[in-house]
Amino acid sequence: MRATIAVALAVVIASCGGQSLSLSVRAGPPATRAMARSALTVANGIVLNRVRIVIRKVELEVAGTVEMDEVASGPYLLDLSGASLDGGGVAKVLEASFTPGTYSEIKLEIHKPEAGEVGVNGDLTAMVAANASIIADGTIDGAAFSFTTAVSAEQKFDGNMVLNSGSNLTLNVDPSTWFTSTAGRLDPTVAANRSQIESNIQSSFKAFKDDDHDGVED
């Protein structure tokens, strides 16, 4: 899969001023400082040229408690396309007010938006019309396809994090894993592959503290 996904995000500022925390997104395998950014090429005949993902309700669990601090409600559209995927760049999605401290968990939801949630983000209209939380557009053996799913899933990521004002969390999503399996490629146009593809999608997310915005967990 030559996943050529760029970050073409309409930056949504949730809150300005005071103690702030940013959320960014990166597309591709989890980065290491030594890894070539071109490591997204998989020779299975599938090319992705656009991926849209809706997320909402970003929460942090205060360390040593069961208290959840909601830092963003959403929903927010991640619209990924172009050449930035190969570059492995990190792009800001939103900035929100929060209480600095030590946190033990990041939680967010992959979410199918409803008509009443479009609000100021008109780009969500297409997702509502498609009844989708995720849309992946590309080609398979040169023929165009669009894979649409309404999967809704809560994503949890554990890790002791000291977050200060100005800290950043990066959400890493790896679409290069979506249409592959140990048996070979998963043709997105074959209905029998849907369950495995949706499972792959839910396993392709990771979120972590990334104050230097390099796509590597701090």
C-alpha atoms as a PDB file:
ATOM      1  CA  MET A   1       0.000   0.000   0.000  1.00  0.00           C
ATOM      2  CA  ARG A   2       1.514   3.301  -0.968  1.00  0.00           C
ATOM      3  CA  ALA A   3      -0.419   5.387   1.490  1.00  0.00           C
ATOM      4  CA  THR A   4      -0.037   8.960   0.354  1.00  0.00           C
ATOM      5  CA  ILE A   5      -1.987  10.690   3.082  1.00  0.00           C
ATOM      6  CA  ALA A   6      -1.397  14.321   3.902  1.00  0.00           C
ATOM      7  CA  VAL A   7      -2.808  16.254   6.783  1.00  0.00           C
ATOM      8  CA  ALA A   8      -5.302  18.686   5.244  1.00  0.00           C
ATOM      9  CA  LEU A   9      -6.932  19.637   8.515  1.00  0.00           C
ATOM     10  CA  ALA A  10      -9.127  22.601   9.230  1.00  0.00           C
ATOM     11  CA  VAL A  11      -7.587  23.460  12.590  1.00  0.00           C
ATOM     12  CA  VAL A  12     -10.268  23.694  15.239  1.00  0.00           C
ATOM     13  CA  ILE A  13      -9.324  25.795  18.227  1.00  0.00           C
ATOM     14  CA  ALA A  14     -11.348  24.549  21.172  1.00  0.00           C
ATOM     15  CA  SER A  15     -10.125  27.177  23.586  1.00  0.00           C
ATOM     16  CA  CYS A  16      -7.498  29.877  23.694  1.00  0.00           C
ATOM     17  CA  GLY A  17      -5.596  31.450  26.558  1.00  0.00           C
ATOM     18  CA  GLY A  18      -4.797  30.092  30.006  1.00  0.00           C
ATOM     19  CA  GLN A  19      -3.349  26.616  30.523  1.00  0.00           C
ATOM     20  CA  SER A  20      -3.470  24.920  27.124  1.00  0.00           C
ATOM     21  CA  LEU A  21      -2.973  21.431  25.720  1.00  0.00           C
ATOM     22  CA  SER A  22      -2.787  20.682  22.006  1.00  0.00           C
ATOM     23  CA  LEU A  23      -3.802  17.526  20.127  1.00  0.00           C
ATOM     24  CA  SER A  24      -1.979  16.711  16.902  1.00  0.00           C
ATOM     25  CA  VAL A  25      -2.225  13.915  14.351  1.00  0.00           C
ATOM     26  CA  ARG A  26       0.335  11.915  12.411  1.00  0.00           C
ATOM     27  CA  ALA A  27      -0.363   9.291   9.728  1.00  0.00           C
ATOM     28  CA  GLY A  28       1.870   6.252   9.290  1.00  0.00           C
ATOM     29  CA  PRO A  29       3.550   3.545  11.364  1.00  0.00           C
ATOM     30  CA  PRO A  30       4.611   4.671  14.836  1.00  0.00           C
ATOM     31  CA  ALA A  31       7.753   6.717  14.245  1.00  0.00           C
ATOM     32  CA  THR A  32      11.233   6.171  15.576  1.00  0.00           C
ATOM     33  CA  ARG A  33      13.981   8.688  15.168  1.00  0.00           C
ATOM     34  CA  ALA A  34      15.956   6.241  13.022  1.00  0.00           C
ATOM     35  CA  MET A  35      13.100   5.134  10.759  1.00  0.00           C
ATOM     36  CA  ALA A  36      12.843   6.308   7.174  1.00  0.00           C
ATOM     37  CA  ARG A  37       9.548   8.110   6.669  1.00  0.00           C
ATOM     38  CA  SER A  38       9.010   6.263   3.377  1.00  0.00           C
ATOM     39  CA  ALA A  39       8.355   3.024   5.263  1.00  0.00           C
ATOM     40  CA  LEU A  40       4.635   3.197   4.391  1.00  0.00           C
ATOM     41  CA  THR A  41       4.979   1.419   1.037  1.00  0.00           C
ATOM     42  CA  VAL A  42       3.442  -2.058   0.932  1.00  0.00           C
ATOM     43  CA  ALA A  43       3.351  -3.825  -2.447  1.00  0.00           C
ATOM     44  CA  ASN A  44      -0.229  -5.109  -2.436  1.00  0.00           C
ATOM     45  CA  GLY A  45      -1.751  -3.040  -5.230  1.00  0.00           C
ATOM     46  CA  ILE A  46      -3.642  -0.667  -2.927  1.00  0.00           C
ATOM     47  CA  VAL A  47      -3.011   3.082  -2.912  1.00  0.00           C
ATOM     48  CA  LEU A  48      -4.742   5.394  -0.454  1.00  0.00           C
ATOM     49  CA  ASN A  49      -5.162   9.023  -1.451  1.00  0.00           C
ATOM     50  CA  ARG A  50      -7.561  10.276   1.221  1.00  0.00           C
ATOM     51  CA  VAL A  51      -8.684   9.168   4.674  1.00  0.00           C
ATOM     52  CA  ARG A  52     -11.323  10.937   6.770  1.00  0.00           C
ATOM     53  CA  ILE A  53     -11.795  10.092  10.445  1.00  0.00           C
ATOM     54  CA  VAL A  54     -14.189  11.618  12.972  1.00  0.00           C
ATOM     55  CA  ILE A  55     -13.124  11.689  16.619  1.00  0.00           C
ATOM     56  CA  ARG A  56     -14.674  13.235  19.711  1.00  0.00           C
ATOM     57  CA  LYS A  57     -14.541  13.463  23.507  1.00  0.00           C
ATOM     58  CA  VAL A  58     -10.834  13.545  24.241  1.00  0.00           C
ATOM     59  CA  GLU A  59     -10.381  12.768  27.937  1.00  0.00           C
ATOM     60  CA  LEU A  60      -7.485  12.332  30.355  1.00  0.00           C
ATOM     61  CA  GLU A  61      -7.516  10.190  33.493  1.00  0.00           C
ATOM     62  CA  VAL A  62      -5.921  11.857  36.504  1.00  0.00           C
ATOM     63  CA  ALA A  63      -3.165   9.583  37.846  1.00  0.00           C
ATOM     64  CA  GLY A  64      -4.093   7.617  40.949  1.00  0.00           C
ATOM     65  CA  THR A  65      -7.827   8.269  40.513  1.00  0.00           C
ATOM     66  CA  VAL A  66     -10.718   7.290  38.279  1.00  0.00           C
ATOM     67  CA  GLU A  67     -11.403  10.957  37.557  1.00  0.00           C
ATOM     68  CA  MET A  68     -11.629  11.837  33.874  1.00  0.00           C
ATOM     69  CA  ASP A  69     -10.785  15.361  32.668  1.00  0.00           C
ATOM     70  CA  GLU A  70     -12.559  16.096  29.378  1.00  0.00           C
ATOM     71  CA  VAL A  71     -10.320  18.411  27.351  1.00  0.00           C
ATOM     72  CA  ALA A  72     -12.273  18.435  24.076  1.00  0.00           C
ATOM     73  CA  SER A  73     -15.780  17.343  23.122  1.00  0.00           C
ATOM     74  CA  GLY A  74     -15.891  17.530  19.317  1.00  0.00           C
ATOM     75  CA  PRO A  75     -16.689  15.958  17.018  1.00  0.00           C
ATOM     76  CA  TYR A  76     -13.605  16.798  14.936  1.00  0.00           C
ATOM     77  CA  LEU A  77     -12.846  15.733  11.386  1.00  0.00           C
ATOM     78  CA  LEU A  78      -9.344  14.526  10.534  1.00  0.00           C
ATOM     79  CA  ASP A  79      -9.082  14.933   6.753  1.00  0.00           C
ATOM     80  CA  LEU A  80      -5.849  13.302   5.605  1.00  0.00           C
ATOM     81  CA  SER A  81      -4.621  13.485   2.010  1.00  0.00           C
ATOM     82  CA  GLY A  82      -1.719  14.385  -0.267  1.00  0.00           C
ATOM     83  CA  ALA A  83       2.007  13.947   0.180  1.00  0.00           C
ATOM     84  CA  SER A  84       2.423  14.528   3.906  1.00  0.00           C
ATOM     85  CA  LEU A  85       1.956  10.871   4.809  1.00  0.00           C
ATOM     86  CA  ASP A  86       5.264   9.920   3.264  1.00  0.00           C
ATOM     87  CA  GLY A  87       6.853  12.778   5.190  1.00  0.00           C
ATOM     88  CA  GLY A  88       5.418  11.565   8.488  1.00  0.00           C
ATOM     89  CA  GLY A  89       4.604  15.107   9.573  1.00  0.00           C
ATOM     90  CA  VAL A  90       2.716  16.053  12.737  1.00  0.00           C
ATOM     91  CA  ALA A  91      -0.135  18.582  12.362  1.00  0.00           C
ATOM     92  CA  LYS A  92      -2.146  20.293  15.084  1.00  0.00           C
ATOM     93  CA  VAL A  93      -5.851  19.454  15.239  1.00  0.00           C
ATOM     94  CA  LEU A  94      -6.990  21.490  18.230  1.00  0.00           C
ATOM     95  CA  GLU A  95      -5.946  23.361  21.329  1.00  0.00           C
ATOM     96  CA  ALA A  96      -7.908  23.159  24.555  1.00  0.00           C
ATOM     97  CA  SER A  97      -7.841  24.436  28.119  1.00  0.00           C
ATOM     98  CA  PHE A  98      -6.951  21.867  30.765  1.00  0.00           C
ATOM     99  CA  THR A  99      -5.470  21.466  34.246  1.00  0.00           C
ATOM    100  CA  PRO A 100      -1.733  20.658  34.177  1.00  0.00           C
ATOM    101  CA  GLY A 101      -0.767  17.583  36.174  1.00  0.00           C
ATOM    102  CA  THR A 102       0.051  13.882  36.012  1.00  0.00           C
ATOM    103  CA  TYR A 103      -2.259  11.711  33.944  1.00  0.00           C
ATOM    104  CA  SER A 104      -2.367   7.945  33.431  1.00  0.00           C
ATOM    105  CA  GLU A 105      -4.661   7.482  30.420  1.00  0.00           C
ATOM    106  CA  ILE A 106      -5.745   9.166  27.193  1.00  0.00           C
ATOM    107  CA  LYS A 107      -9.230   8.282  25.956  1.00  0.00           C
ATOM    108  CA  LEU A 108     -11.002   9.300  22.762  1.00  0.00           C
ATOM    109  CA  GLU A 109     -13.760   7.977  20.533  1.00  0.00           C
ATOM    110  CA  ILE A 110     -13.971   7.176  16.856  1.00  0.00           C
ATOM    111  CA  HIS A 111     -17.416   8.573  16.206  1.00  0.00           C
ATOM    112  CA  LYS A 112     -20.156   8.538  13.568  1.00  0.00           C
ATOM    113  CA  PRO A 113     -21.520  12.108  13.592  1.00  0.00           C
ATOM    114  CA  GLU A 114     -25.185  12.978  13.510  1.00  0.00           C
ATOM    115  CA  ALA A 115     -26.756  15.895  11.626  1.00  0.00           C
ATOM    116  CA  GLY A 116     -27.113  17.988  14.783  1.00  0.00           C
ATOM    117  CA  GLU A 117     -23.385  17.750  15.510  1.00  0.00           C
ATOM    118  CA  VAL A 118     -22.128  19.471  12.365  1.00  0.00           C
ATOM    119  CA  GLY A 119     -21.987  22.866  14.066  1.00  0.00           C
ATOM    120  CA  VAL A 120     -19.168  25.093  12.830  1.00  0.00           C
ATOM    121  CA  ASN A 121     -17.371  22.240  11.089  1.00  0.00           C
ATOM    122  CA  GLY A 122     -19.274  21.994   7.816  1.00  0.00           C
ATOM    123  CA  ASP A 123     -16.852  19.355   6.555  1.00  0.00           C
ATOM    124  CA  LEU A 124     -18.683  16.876   8.771  1.00  0.00           C
ATOM    125  CA  THR A 125     -21.707  17.136   6.469  1.00  0.00           C
ATOM    126  CA  ALA A 126     -20.235  14.596   4.046  1.00  0.00           C
ATOM    127  CA  MET A 127     -19.595  12.166   6.904  1.00  0.00           C
ATOM    128  CA  VAL A 128     -23.188  12.521   8.116  1.00  0.00           C
ATOM    129  CA  ALA A 129     -24.503  11.956   4.582  1.00  0.00           C
ATOM    130  CA  ALA A 130     -22.364   8.831   4.229  1.00  0.00           C
ATOM    131  CA  ASN A 131     -23.415   7.555   7.690  1.00  0.00           C
ATOM    132  CA  ALA A 132     -19.704   7.164   8.353  1.00  0.00           C
ATOM    133  CA  SER A 133     -17.106   7.609  11.053  1.00  0.00           C
ATOM    134  CA  ILE A 134     -14.313   6.747   8.609  1.00  0.00           C
ATOM    135  CA  ILE A 135     -14.009   6.991   4.817  1.00  0.00           C
ATOM    136  CA  ALA A 136     -10.925   5.722   2.961  1.00  0.00           C
ATOM    137  CA  ASP A 137     -10.595   6.608  -0.733  1.00  0.00           C
ATOM    138  CA  GLY A 138      -8.004   5.080  -3.025  1.00  0.00           C
ATOM    139  CA  THR A 139      -7.355   2.591  -5.792  1.00  0.00           C
ATOM    140  CA  ILE A 140      -6.893  -1.155  -5.918  1.00  0.00           C
ATOM    141  CA  ASP A 141      -4.985  -2.418  -8.955  1.00  0.00           C
ATOM    142  CA  GLY A 142      -5.692   0.982 -10.512  1.00  0.00           C
ATOM    143  CA  ALA A 143      -9.468   0.887  -9.957  1.00  0.00           C
ATOM    144  CA  ALA A 144     -11.000   3.490  -7.636  1.00  0.00           C
ATOM    145  CA  PHE A 145     -12.667   2.436  -4.382  1.00  0.00           C
ATOM    146  CA  SER A 146     -14.180   4.125  -1.357  1.00  0.00           C
ATOM    147  CA  PHE A 147     -14.351   2.165   1.893  1.00  0.00           C
ATOM    148  CA  THR A 148     -16.916   3.554   4.322  1.00  0.00           C
ATOM    149  CA  THR A 149     -17.548   2.370   7.858  1.00  0.00           C
ATOM    150  CA  ALA A 150     -19.792   3.522  10.693  1.00  0.00           C
ATOM    151  CA  VAL A 151     -17.640   1.852  13.331  1.00  0.00           C
ATOM    152  CA  SER A 152     -17.696   3.631  16.687  1.00  0.00           C
ATOM    153  CA  ALA A 153     -15.034   2.670  19.171  1.00  0.00           C
ATOM    154  CA  GLU A 154     -13.520   3.984  22.377  1.00  0.00           C
ATOM    155  CA  GLN A 155      -9.749   4.149  22.239  1.00  0.00           C
ATOM    156  CA  LYS A 156      -7.713   4.042  25.476  1.00  0.00           C
ATOM    157  CA  PHE A 157      -3.962   4.574  25.775  1.00  0.00           C
ATOM    158  CA  ASP A 158      -2.166   4.039  29.090  1.00  0.00           C
ATOM    159  CA  GLY A 159       1.032   5.733  30.178  1.00  0.00           C
ATOM    160  CA  ASN A 160       2.197   7.948  33.026  1.00  0.00           C
ATOM    161  CA  MET A 161       2.376  11.504  31.638  1.00  0.00           C
ATOM    162  CA  VAL A 162       3.277  14.790  33.260  1.00  0.00           C
ATOM    163  CA  LEU A 163       1.452  17.391  31.162  1.00  0.00           C
ATOM    164  CA  ASN A 164       2.230  21.076  31.497  1.00  0.00           C
ATOM    165  CA  SER A 165       0.713  24.133  29.869  1.00  0.00           C
ATOM    166  CA  GLY A 166       1.822  23.967  26.240  1.00  0.00           C
ATOM    167  CA  SER A 167       2.156  20.169  26.203  1.00  0.00           C
ATOM    168  CA  ASN A 168       1.048  18.237  23.123  1.00  0.00           C
ATOM    169  CA  LEU A 169      -0.577  14.854  22.580  1.00  0.00           C
ATOM    170  CA  THR A 170      -0.103  13.187  19.195  1.00  0.00           C
ATOM    171  CA  LEU A 171      -2.632  10.750  17.767  1.00  0.00           C
ATOM    172  CA  ASN A 172      -0.834   8.360  15.425  1.00  0.00           C
ATOM    173  CA  VAL A 173      -2.976   6.454  12.903  1.00  0.00           C
ATOM    174  CA  ASP A 174      -1.473   3.839  10.595  1.00  0.00           C
ATOM    175  CA  PRO A 175      -3.711   3.247   7.525  1.00  0.00           C
ATOM    176  CA  SER A 176      -1.030   1.035   5.953  1.00  0.00           C
ATOM    177  CA  THR A 177      -2.305  -1.787   8.204  1.00  0.00           C
ATOM    178  CA  TRP A 178      -5.982  -1.505   7.318  1.00  0.00           C
ATOM    179  CA  PHE A 179      -6.111  -3.612   4.162  1.00  0.00           C
ATOM    180  CA  THR A 180      -3.552  -6.302   4.978  1.00  0.00           C
ATOM    181  CA  SER A 181      -3.579  -9.567   6.884  1.00  0.00           C
ATOM    182  CA  THR A 182      -1.238 -12.496   7.480  1.00  0.00           C
ATOM    183  CA  ALA A 183      -2.905 -14.193   4.503  1.00  0.00           C
ATOM    184  CA  GLY A 184      -2.276 -11.229   2.162  1.00  0.00           C
ATOM    185  CA  ARG A 185      -4.207  -8.146   1.206  1.00  0.00           C
ATOM    186  CA  LEU A 186      -7.787  -7.441   2.209  1.00  0.00           C
ATOM    187  CA  ASP A 187      -9.716  -6.210  -0.812  1.00  0.00           C
ATOM    188  CA  PRO A 188     -11.868  -3.315   0.475  1.00  0.00           C
ATOM    189  CA  THR A 189     -14.487  -4.007  -2.210  1.00  0.00           C
ATOM    190  CA  VAL A 190     -15.192  -7.525  -0.868  1.00  0.00           C
ATOM    191  CA  ALA A 191     -17.890  -7.514   1.807  1.00  0.00           C
ATOM    192  CA  ALA A 192     -16.444 -10.578   3.531  1.00  0.00           C
ATOM    193  CA  ASN A 193     -13.326  -8.562   4.415  1.00  0.00           C
ATOM    194  CA  ARG A 194     -15.204  -5.776   6.202  1.00  0.00           C
ATOM    195  CA  SER A 195     -15.005  -7.228   9.711  1.00  0.00           C
ATOM    196  CA  GLN A 196     -11.233  -7.764   9.553  1.00  0.00           C
ATOM    197  CA  ILE A 197     -10.640  -4.317   8.036  1.00  0.00           C
ATOM    198  CA  GLU A 198     -12.691  -2.664  10.782  1.00  0.00           C
ATOM    199  CA  SER A 199     -10.733  -4.621  13.398  1.00  0.00           C
ATOM    200  CA  ASN A 200      -7.468  -3.474  11.778  1.00  0.00           C
ATOM    201  CA  ILE A 201      -8.686   0.131  11.829  1.00  0.00           C
ATOM    202  CA  GLN A 202      -9.446   0.007  15.547  1.00  0.00           C
ATOM    203  CA  SER A 203      -5.967  -1.414  16.227  1.00  0.00           C
ATOM    204  CA  SER A 204      -4.168   1.231  14.155  1.00  0.00           C
ATOM    205  CA  PHE A 205      -4.411   4.142  16.615  1.00  0.00           C
ATOM    206  CA  LYS A 206      -1.966   5.194  19.298  1.00  0.00           C
ATOM    207  CA  ALA A 207      -1.875   8.400  21.338  1.00  0.00           C
ATOM    208  CA  PHE A 208       1.029   9.675  23.417  1.00  0.00           C
ATOM    209  CA  LYS A 209       2.749  12.719  24.876  1.00  0.00           C
ATOM    210  CA  ASP A 210       4.760  14.453  22.171  1.00  0.00           C
ATOM    211  CA  ASP A 211       5.782  17.908  23.352  1.00  0.00           C
ATOM    212  CA  ASP A 212       8.403  18.369  20.618  1.00  0.00           C
ATOM    213  CA  HIS A 213       5.932  17.455  17.855  1.00  0.00           C
ATOM    214  CA  ASP A 214       8.283  14.895  16.258  1.00  0.00           C
ATOM    215  CA  GLY A 215       5.817  11.986  16.152  1.00  0.00           C
ATOM    216  CA  VAL A 216       7.841  10.021  18.742  1.00  0.00           C
ATOM    217  CA  GLU A 217       6.545   9.333  22.240  1.00  0.00           C
ATOM    218  CA  ASP A 218       8.359  11.493  24.797  1.00  0.00           C
END
